[in-house]
Amino acid sequence: MHPEILDQPGYFSTHISESIVREPFPGVRVRPLWKDPGGAHAAVLEMDPGASWPRRDIHEPGPEEVYVVAGVFNDGARDYPAGTFLHAPAGSWHIPSTSSGCVLFLFYPAG
């Protein structure tokens, strides 16, 4: 055991059950996990079957990185099954939806 690992500045852990859930759209839940003072942040996004974003999701000020943890995610153009990683550069957009439901890990390196 190396308990000194936990004493390192900036080292952080949380469990999804500790996250405050917010529902920006019906059937879409965001669970923030971590936020850096510089703006970078990570979250889990859960979408119920048939849920969708009502408009373009524009990636500003920086890129969005998505890992499909479970289910099938659709970006408005194609389906991405669990295990897929997507990098959407700053200024790009998509229209998230899912027919079967999905869970995504989201990372925003630039805020």
Protein backbone atom coordinates (compact mmCIF):
# COMPACT_ATOMS: atom_id res chain seq x y z
CA MET A 1 0.00 0.00 0.00
CA HIS A 2 1.15 3.52 -0.78
CA PRO A 3 -1.20 5.95 1.02
CA GLU A 4 1.17 8.83 0.13
CA ILE A 5 -0.29 8.65 -3.39
CA LEU A 6 -3.42 10.36 -2.06
CA ASP A 7 -1.38 13.23 -0.58
CA GLN A 8 -0.12 14.45 -3.95
CA PRO A 9 -1.33 17.97 -4.88
CA GLY A 10 -4.23 17.82 -7.33
CA TYR A 11 -4.80 14.07 -6.94
CA PHE A 12 -8.57 13.59 -6.90
CA SER A 13 -11.14 10.83 -6.93
CA THR A 14 -14.89 10.67 -6.78
CA HIS A 15 -17.64 8.13 -7.31
CA ILE A 16 -20.48 8.79 -9.73
CA SER A 17 -22.99 8.41 -6.89
CA GLU A 18 -21.46 11.52 -5.26
CA SER A 19 -22.11 13.68 -8.32
CA ILE A 20 -24.98 16.15 -8.50
CA VAL A 21 -27.26 15.22 -11.41
CA ARG A 22 -28.54 17.91 -13.73
CA GLU A 23 -30.99 17.33 -16.59
CA PRO A 24 -30.42 19.92 -19.36
CA PHE A 25 -32.99 18.24 -21.64
CA PRO A 26 -35.65 15.55 -21.07
CA GLY A 27 -33.97 12.14 -20.83
CA VAL A 28 -30.44 13.63 -20.79
CA ARG A 29 -28.55 13.69 -17.48
CA VAL A 30 -25.11 15.14 -16.80
CA ARG A 31 -23.06 14.09 -13.78
CA PRO A 32 -20.01 16.37 -13.31
CA LEU A 33 -16.99 14.45 -12.01
CA TRP A 34 -14.07 16.89 -11.90
CA LYS A 35 -13.15 20.46 -12.76
CA ASP A 36 -9.68 21.95 -12.97
CA PRO A 37 -9.16 25.59 -11.89
CA GLY A 38 -8.06 26.24 -15.50
CA GLY A 39 -11.46 25.12 -16.86
CA ALA A 40 -10.79 21.55 -18.01
CA HIS A 41 -13.52 19.22 -16.79
CA ALA A 42 -14.89 15.69 -16.97
CA ALA A 43 -18.43 14.35 -16.70
CA VAL A 44 -20.66 11.37 -17.36
CA LEU A 45 -23.62 11.90 -19.66
CA GLU A 46 -26.56 9.49 -19.60
CA MET A 47 -29.17 9.47 -22.34
CA ASP A 48 -32.41 7.52 -22.10
CA PRO A 49 -33.66 5.54 -25.12
CA GLY A 50 -35.02 7.97 -27.72
CA ALA A 51 -33.42 11.04 -26.07
CA SER A 52 -31.80 13.73 -28.17
CA TRP A 53 -30.23 17.16 -28.00
CA PRO A 54 -32.74 19.73 -29.33
CA ARG A 55 -30.08 21.71 -31.24
CA ARG A 56 -26.46 21.66 -32.36
CA ASP A 57 -23.95 20.95 -29.59
CA ILE A 58 -21.07 23.29 -30.52
CA HIS A 59 -17.67 22.57 -28.98
CA GLU A 60 -16.46 25.86 -27.54
CA PRO A 61 -14.03 27.09 -26.30
CA GLY A 62 -12.14 23.87 -26.92
CA PRO A 63 -12.53 20.28 -28.08
CA GLU A 64 -14.79 17.60 -26.66
CA GLU A 65 -13.59 14.04 -26.17
CA VAL A 66 -16.19 11.30 -25.82
CA TYR A 67 -15.87 7.66 -24.82
CA VAL A 68 -19.01 5.54 -25.26
CA VAL A 69 -19.18 3.51 -22.04
CA ALA A 70 -22.47 1.71 -22.73
CA GLY A 71 -25.19 1.61 -25.36
CA VAL A 72 -25.06 3.29 -28.76
CA PHE A 73 -24.45 7.01 -29.28
CA ASN A 74 -25.44 8.84 -32.47
CA ASP A 75 -23.86 12.18 -33.38
CA GLY A 76 -26.48 13.06 -36.01
CA ALA A 77 -24.54 11.28 -38.75
CA ARG A 78 -23.81 7.75 -37.52
CA ASP A 79 -24.03 5.32 -34.61
CA TYR A 80 -21.09 4.62 -32.29
CA PRO A 81 -21.27 1.50 -30.09
CA ALA A 82 -19.79 1.05 -26.62
CA GLY A 83 -16.00 1.13 -26.75
CA THR A 84 -15.83 3.97 -29.30
CA PHE A 85 -13.72 7.10 -28.71
CA LEU A 86 -14.54 10.36 -30.49
CA HIS A 87 -12.50 13.58 -30.62
CA ALA A 88 -14.47 16.65 -31.74
CA PRO A 89 -12.16 19.64 -32.32
CA ALA A 90 -12.96 23.15 -31.10
CA GLY A 91 -15.61 24.78 -33.28
CA SER A 92 -17.05 21.47 -34.53
CA TRP A 93 -20.59 20.38 -33.68
CA HIS A 94 -22.93 17.41 -33.58
CA ILE A 95 -26.52 16.67 -32.60
CA PRO A 96 -26.39 13.94 -29.93
CA SER A 97 -29.10 11.30 -29.82
CA THR A 98 -29.63 7.64 -29.04
CA SER A 99 -32.28 5.14 -29.98
CA SER A 100 -31.32 2.55 -27.35
CA GLY A 101 -29.86 4.73 -24.59
CA CYS A 102 -26.21 5.32 -23.81
CA VAL A 103 -23.69 6.36 -21.19
CA LEU A 104 -20.78 8.59 -22.23
CA PHE A 105 -17.62 9.76 -20.49
CA LEU A 106 -16.92 13.35 -21.56
CA PHE A 107 -13.67 15.28 -21.23
CA TYR A 108 -13.16 18.92 -22.08
CA PRO A 109 -9.41 19.66 -21.93
CA ALA A 110 -9.84 23.41 -22.60
CA GLY A 111 -13.02 24.05 -20.68
